[in-house]
């Protein structure tokens, strides 16, 4: 690790923020529910990329079940992306010498 103690920290912080944004945009996680019947892909920038639903769930009779599975898959994806974001930002902070 480089010693940055005599440098102005603002350029390093800007570099860190740009790198974090690039790294987070590259993260993709998949939230799953109903044994894979519903899948939601979420980026590290918390942008929903896709939703996949097993065709057998698409009927008026399964409306409440489908709604619940969508909610669970979304919560699973958000939980996963938050964990990935924390791991990535912790590693980058350490790489740039920020504690």
N, C-alpha and C. Protein backbone atom coordinates (compact mmCIF):
# COMPACT_ATOMS: atom_id res chain seq x y z
N UNK A 1 0.85 -1.18 0.00
CA UNK A 1 0.00 0.00 0.00
C UNK A 1 0.90 1.24 0.00
N UNK A 2 0.53 2.24 -0.76
CA UNK A 2 1.29 3.46 -0.88
C UNK A 2 0.99 4.39 0.28
N UNK A 3 2.03 5.14 0.71
CA UNK A 3 1.84 6.11 1.78
C UNK A 3 1.39 7.43 1.15
N UNK A 4 0.19 7.84 1.43
CA UNK A 4 -0.38 9.06 0.86
C UNK A 4 -0.46 10.19 1.90
N UNK A 5 0.23 10.06 3.01
CA UNK A 5 0.02 10.98 4.13
C UNK A 5 0.37 12.43 3.80
N UNK A 6 1.29 12.68 2.84
CA UNK A 6 1.68 14.06 2.53
C UNK A 6 0.93 14.64 1.34
N UNK A 7 -0.01 13.91 0.80
CA UNK A 7 -0.74 14.36 -0.38
C UNK A 7 -2.10 14.95 -0.01
N UNK A 8 -2.62 15.77 -0.92
CA UNK A 8 -3.98 16.27 -0.78
C UNK A 8 -4.93 15.08 -0.97
N UNK A 9 -5.81 14.80 -0.02
CA UNK A 9 -6.66 13.61 -0.13
C UNK A 9 -7.79 13.72 -1.15
N UNK A 10 -8.13 14.93 -1.60
CA UNK A 10 -9.28 15.08 -2.50
C UNK A 10 -9.12 14.36 -3.83
N UNK A 11 -7.98 14.45 -4.52
CA UNK A 11 -7.87 13.68 -5.77
C UNK A 11 -7.99 12.18 -5.54
N UNK A 12 -7.43 11.68 -4.45
CA UNK A 12 -7.54 10.25 -4.14
C UNK A 12 -8.98 9.87 -3.86
N UNK A 13 -9.68 10.72 -3.14
CA UNK A 13 -11.09 10.44 -2.83
C UNK A 13 -11.91 10.41 -4.12
N UNK A 14 -11.62 11.34 -5.02
CA UNK A 14 -12.33 11.37 -6.30
C UNK A 14 -12.05 10.09 -7.09
N UNK A 15 -10.78 9.68 -7.13
CA UNK A 15 -10.41 8.43 -7.80
C UNK A 15 -11.16 7.25 -7.18
N UNK A 16 -11.19 7.23 -5.86
CA UNK A 16 -11.88 6.15 -5.15
C UNK A 16 -13.36 6.12 -5.52
N UNK A 17 -14.00 7.26 -5.52
CA UNK A 17 -15.43 7.32 -5.84
C UNK A 17 -15.70 6.85 -7.27
N UNK A 18 -14.85 7.26 -8.21
CA UNK A 18 -15.02 6.80 -9.59
C UNK A 18 -14.83 5.30 -9.71
N UNK A 19 -13.84 4.79 -9.01
CA UNK A 19 -13.58 3.35 -9.06
C UNK A 19 -14.73 2.57 -8.41
N UNK A 20 -15.23 3.08 -7.29
CA UNK A 20 -16.36 2.43 -6.62
C UNK A 20 -17.56 2.38 -7.57
N UNK A 21 -17.86 3.48 -8.25
CA UNK A 21 -19.01 3.52 -9.16
C UNK A 21 -18.85 2.47 -10.27
N UNK A 22 -17.64 2.39 -10.87
CA UNK A 22 -17.41 1.40 -11.93
C UNK A 22 -17.56 -0.02 -11.40
N UNK A 23 -16.99 -0.27 -10.23
CA UNK A 23 -17.04 -1.61 -9.64
C UNK A 23 -18.49 -1.99 -9.28
N UNK A 24 -19.24 -1.05 -8.74
CA UNK A 24 -20.62 -1.34 -8.35
C UNK A 24 -21.50 -1.58 -9.57
N UNK A 25 -21.27 -0.81 -10.63
CA UNK A 25 -22.06 -1.02 -11.84
C UNK A 25 -21.81 -2.39 -12.45
N UNK A 26 -20.64 -2.97 -12.18
CA UNK A 26 -20.30 -4.29 -12.73
C UNK A 26 -20.93 -5.43 -11.93
N UNK A 27 -21.35 -5.16 -10.70
CA UNK A 27 -21.94 -6.21 -9.86
C UNK A 27 -23.34 -6.55 -10.38
N UNK A 28 -23.60 -7.83 -10.49
CA UNK A 28 -24.94 -8.32 -10.84
C UNK A 28 -25.27 -9.45 -9.88
N UNK A 29 -26.41 -9.38 -9.23
CA UNK A 29 -26.86 -10.45 -8.34
C UNK A 29 -28.25 -10.89 -8.78
N UNK A 30 -28.58 -12.13 -8.41
CA UNK A 30 -29.89 -12.66 -8.76
C UNK A 30 -30.62 -13.06 -7.49
N UNK A 31 -31.77 -12.43 -7.26
CA UNK A 31 -32.65 -12.82 -6.16
C UNK A 31 -33.59 -13.90 -6.66
N UNK A 32 -33.77 -14.93 -5.85
CA UNK A 32 -34.57 -16.08 -6.27
C UNK A 32 -35.59 -16.40 -5.19
N UNK A 33 -36.79 -16.83 -5.62
CA UNK A 33 -37.79 -17.34 -4.68
C UNK A 33 -38.57 -18.44 -5.36
N UNK A 34 -39.33 -19.18 -4.55
CA UNK A 34 -40.16 -20.25 -5.09
C UNK A 34 -39.34 -21.31 -5.80
N UNK A 35 -38.21 -21.70 -5.20
CA UNK A 35 -37.32 -22.71 -5.80
C UNK A 35 -36.96 -22.37 -7.24
N UNK A 36 -36.72 -21.08 -7.49
CA UNK A 36 -36.31 -20.65 -8.82
C UNK A 36 -37.44 -20.24 -9.74
N UNK A 37 -38.67 -20.28 -9.26
CA UNK A 37 -39.82 -19.91 -10.11
C UNK A 37 -39.82 -18.43 -10.45
N UNK A 38 -39.27 -17.60 -9.56
CA UNK A 38 -39.17 -16.17 -9.79
C UNK A 38 -37.71 -15.77 -9.57
N UNK A 39 -37.16 -15.06 -10.55
CA UNK A 39 -35.76 -14.60 -10.48
C UNK A 39 -35.70 -13.12 -10.86
N UNK A 40 -34.98 -12.36 -10.05
CA UNK A 40 -34.81 -10.94 -10.32
C UNK A 40 -33.33 -10.63 -10.30
N UNK A 41 -32.84 -9.99 -11.37
CA UNK A 41 -31.43 -9.60 -11.46
C UNK A 41 -31.34 -8.11 -11.15
N UNK A 42 -30.41 -7.79 -10.24
CA UNK A 42 -30.22 -6.42 -9.76
C UNK A 42 -28.75 -6.07 -9.89
N UNK A 43 -28.46 -4.84 -10.35
CA UNK A 43 -27.07 -4.39 -10.45
C UNK A 43 -26.63 -3.79 -9.12
N UNK A 44 -25.33 -3.64 -8.97
CA UNK A 44 -24.78 -3.02 -7.76
C UNK A 44 -25.20 -1.57 -7.61
N UNK A 45 -25.56 -0.96 -8.72
CA UNK A 45 -26.09 0.40 -8.68
C UNK A 45 -27.57 0.42 -8.39
N UNK A 46 -28.08 -0.72 -7.91
CA UNK A 46 -29.48 -0.95 -7.55
C UNK A 46 -30.45 -0.66 -8.70
N UNK A 47 -30.04 -1.05 -9.89
CA UNK A 47 -30.91 -0.96 -11.06
C UNK A 47 -31.41 -2.37 -11.35
N UNK A 48 -32.71 -2.53 -11.46
CA UNK A 48 -33.27 -3.84 -11.78
C UNK A 48 -32.99 -4.13 -13.25
N UNK A 49 -32.33 -5.26 -13.49
CA UNK A 49 -31.93 -5.63 -14.84
C UNK A 49 -32.96 -6.53 -15.52
N UNK A 50 -33.53 -7.48 -14.77
CA UNK A 50 -34.51 -8.38 -15.39
C UNK A 50 -35.36 -9.06 -14.33
N UNK A 51 -36.52 -9.51 -14.78
CA UNK A 51 -37.43 -10.31 -13.95
C UNK A 51 -37.84 -11.51 -14.79
N UNK A 52 -37.67 -12.71 -14.24
CA UNK A 52 -38.07 -13.95 -14.92
C UNK A 52 -39.10 -14.65 -14.05
N UNK A 53 -40.21 -15.07 -14.68
CA UNK A 53 -41.30 -15.73 -13.96
C UNK A 53 -41.63 -17.03 -14.68
N UNK A 54 -41.66 -18.10 -13.92
CA UNK A 54 -42.07 -19.39 -14.48
C UNK A 54 -43.50 -19.24 -15.01
N UNK A 55 -43.74 -19.61 -16.27
CA UNK A 55 -45.07 -19.44 -16.86
C UNK A 55 -46.20 -20.11 -16.08
N UNK A 56 -45.90 -21.15 -15.34
CA UNK A 56 -46.96 -21.83 -14.58
C UNK A 56 -47.54 -20.96 -13.47
N UNK A 57 -46.84 -19.89 -13.10
CA UNK A 57 -47.33 -19.01 -12.04
C UNK A 57 -48.24 -17.90 -12.55
N UNK A 58 -48.30 -17.74 -13.86
CA UNK A 58 -49.04 -16.62 -14.44
C UNK A 58 -50.49 -17.02 -14.70
N UNK A 59 -51.30 -16.82 -13.69
CA UNK A 59 -52.75 -17.03 -13.80
C UNK A 59 -53.42 -16.26 -12.68
N UNK A 60 -54.66 -15.95 -12.86
CA UNK A 60 -55.41 -15.21 -11.83
C UNK A 60 -55.43 -15.97 -10.51
N UNK A 61 -55.50 -17.29 -10.58
CA UNK A 61 -55.55 -18.11 -9.36
C UNK A 61 -54.26 -18.01 -8.56
N UNK A 62 -53.15 -17.77 -9.24
CA UNK A 62 -51.85 -17.70 -8.57
C UNK A 62 -51.40 -16.27 -8.29
N UNK A 63 -52.28 -15.29 -8.48
CA UNK A 63 -51.91 -13.88 -8.34
C UNK A 63 -51.24 -13.58 -7.01
N UNK A 64 -51.83 -13.96 -5.90
CA UNK A 64 -51.25 -13.67 -4.59
C UNK A 64 -49.93 -14.39 -4.39
N UNK A 65 -49.85 -15.63 -4.83
CA UNK A 65 -48.59 -16.38 -4.71
C UNK A 65 -47.50 -15.69 -5.53
N UNK A 66 -47.81 -15.28 -6.74
CA UNK A 66 -46.84 -14.61 -7.60
C UNK A 66 -46.38 -13.30 -6.97
N UNK A 67 -47.31 -12.52 -6.44
CA UNK A 67 -46.95 -11.27 -5.77
C UNK A 67 -45.99 -11.52 -4.62
N UNK A 68 -46.27 -12.55 -3.82
CA UNK A 68 -45.40 -12.88 -2.68
C UNK A 68 -44.02 -13.32 -3.16
N UNK A 69 -43.98 -14.13 -4.20
CA UNK A 69 -42.69 -14.60 -4.73
C UNK A 69 -41.88 -13.45 -5.33
N UNK A 70 -42.55 -12.52 -5.99
CA UNK A 70 -41.85 -11.34 -6.51
C UNK A 70 -41.26 -10.51 -5.37
N UNK A 71 -42.03 -10.32 -4.33
CA UNK A 71 -41.54 -9.59 -3.17
C UNK A 71 -40.33 -10.29 -2.55
N UNK A 72 -40.42 -11.60 -2.37
CA UNK A 72 -39.32 -12.35 -1.77
C UNK A 72 -38.07 -12.32 -2.65
N UNK A 73 -38.23 -12.46 -3.96
CA UNK A 73 -37.08 -12.43 -4.86
C UNK A 73 -36.43 -11.05 -4.86
N UNK A 74 -37.27 -10.00 -4.81
CA UNK A 74 -36.74 -8.64 -4.76
C UNK A 74 -35.96 -8.42 -3.47
N UNK A 75 -36.51 -8.84 -2.35
CA UNK A 75 -35.81 -8.69 -1.07
C UNK A 75 -34.51 -9.47 -1.07
N UNK A 76 -34.51 -10.67 -1.65
CA UNK A 76 -33.30 -11.48 -1.74
C UNK A 76 -32.24 -10.78 -2.58
N UNK A 77 -32.63 -10.20 -3.72
CA UNK A 77 -31.68 -9.50 -4.59
C UNK A 77 -31.10 -8.28 -3.89
N UNK A 78 -31.94 -7.50 -3.21
CA UNK A 78 -31.46 -6.31 -2.50
C UNK A 78 -30.48 -6.71 -1.39
N UNK A 79 -30.81 -7.75 -0.65
CA UNK A 79 -29.92 -8.23 0.42
C UNK A 79 -28.56 -8.62 -0.16
N UNK A 80 -28.58 -9.35 -1.27
CA UNK A 80 -27.33 -9.78 -1.89
C UNK A 80 -26.52 -8.60 -2.42
N UNK A 81 -27.18 -7.65 -3.07
CA UNK A 81 -26.44 -6.53 -3.64
C UNK A 81 -25.86 -5.65 -2.54
N UNK A 82 -26.56 -5.47 -1.44
CA UNK A 82 -26.02 -4.68 -0.33
C UNK A 82 -24.78 -5.34 0.26
N UNK A 83 -24.78 -6.66 0.36
CA UNK A 83 -23.60 -7.37 0.85
C UNK A 83 -22.44 -7.20 -0.13
N UNK A 84 -22.69 -7.35 -1.42
CA UNK A 84 -21.63 -7.18 -2.43
C UNK A 84 -21.08 -5.76 -2.41
N UNK A 85 -21.96 -4.77 -2.30
CA UNK A 85 -21.53 -3.38 -2.25
C UNK A 85 -20.64 -3.14 -1.03
N UNK A 86 -21.02 -3.66 0.11
CA UNK A 86 -20.21 -3.49 1.32
C UNK A 86 -18.84 -4.13 1.15
N UNK A 87 -18.80 -5.34 0.65
CA UNK A 87 -17.52 -6.02 0.45
C UNK A 87 -16.63 -5.25 -0.52
N UNK A 88 -17.21 -4.78 -1.61
CA UNK A 88 -16.44 -4.07 -2.63
C UNK A 88 -15.94 -2.73 -2.10
N UNK A 89 -16.80 -1.96 -1.44
CA UNK A 89 -16.37 -0.65 -0.95
C UNK A 89 -15.36 -0.78 0.18
N UNK A 90 -15.51 -1.78 1.04
CA UNK A 90 -14.51 -2.00 2.09
C UNK A 90 -13.15 -2.30 1.49
N UNK A 91 -13.12 -3.15 0.47
CA UNK A 91 -11.85 -3.51 -0.18
C UNK A 91 -11.23 -2.29 -0.87
N UNK A 92 -12.05 -1.49 -1.54
CA UNK A 92 -11.52 -0.32 -2.23
C UNK A 92 -11.05 0.75 -1.25
N UNK A 93 -11.78 0.93 -0.17
CA UNK A 93 -11.34 1.88 0.86
C UNK A 93 -9.97 1.49 1.39
N UNK A 94 -9.80 0.21 1.65
CA UNK A 94 -8.52 -0.28 2.15
C UNK A 94 -7.43 -0.09 1.10
N UNK A 95 -7.75 -0.39 -0.15
CA UNK A 95 -6.78 -0.24 -1.25
C UNK A 95 -6.30 1.21 -1.36
N UNK A 96 -7.20 2.16 -1.15
CA UNK A 96 -6.85 3.57 -1.26
C UNK A 96 -6.35 4.16 0.06
N UNK A 97 -6.25 3.35 1.08
CA UNK A 97 -5.68 3.81 2.34
C UNK A 97 -6.64 4.54 3.25
N UNK A 98 -7.94 4.41 3.02
CA UNK A 98 -8.94 5.02 3.89
C UNK A 98 -9.42 3.97 4.88
N UNK A 99 -9.48 4.31 6.13
CA UNK A 99 -9.90 3.34 7.16
C UNK A 99 -11.33 3.49 7.51
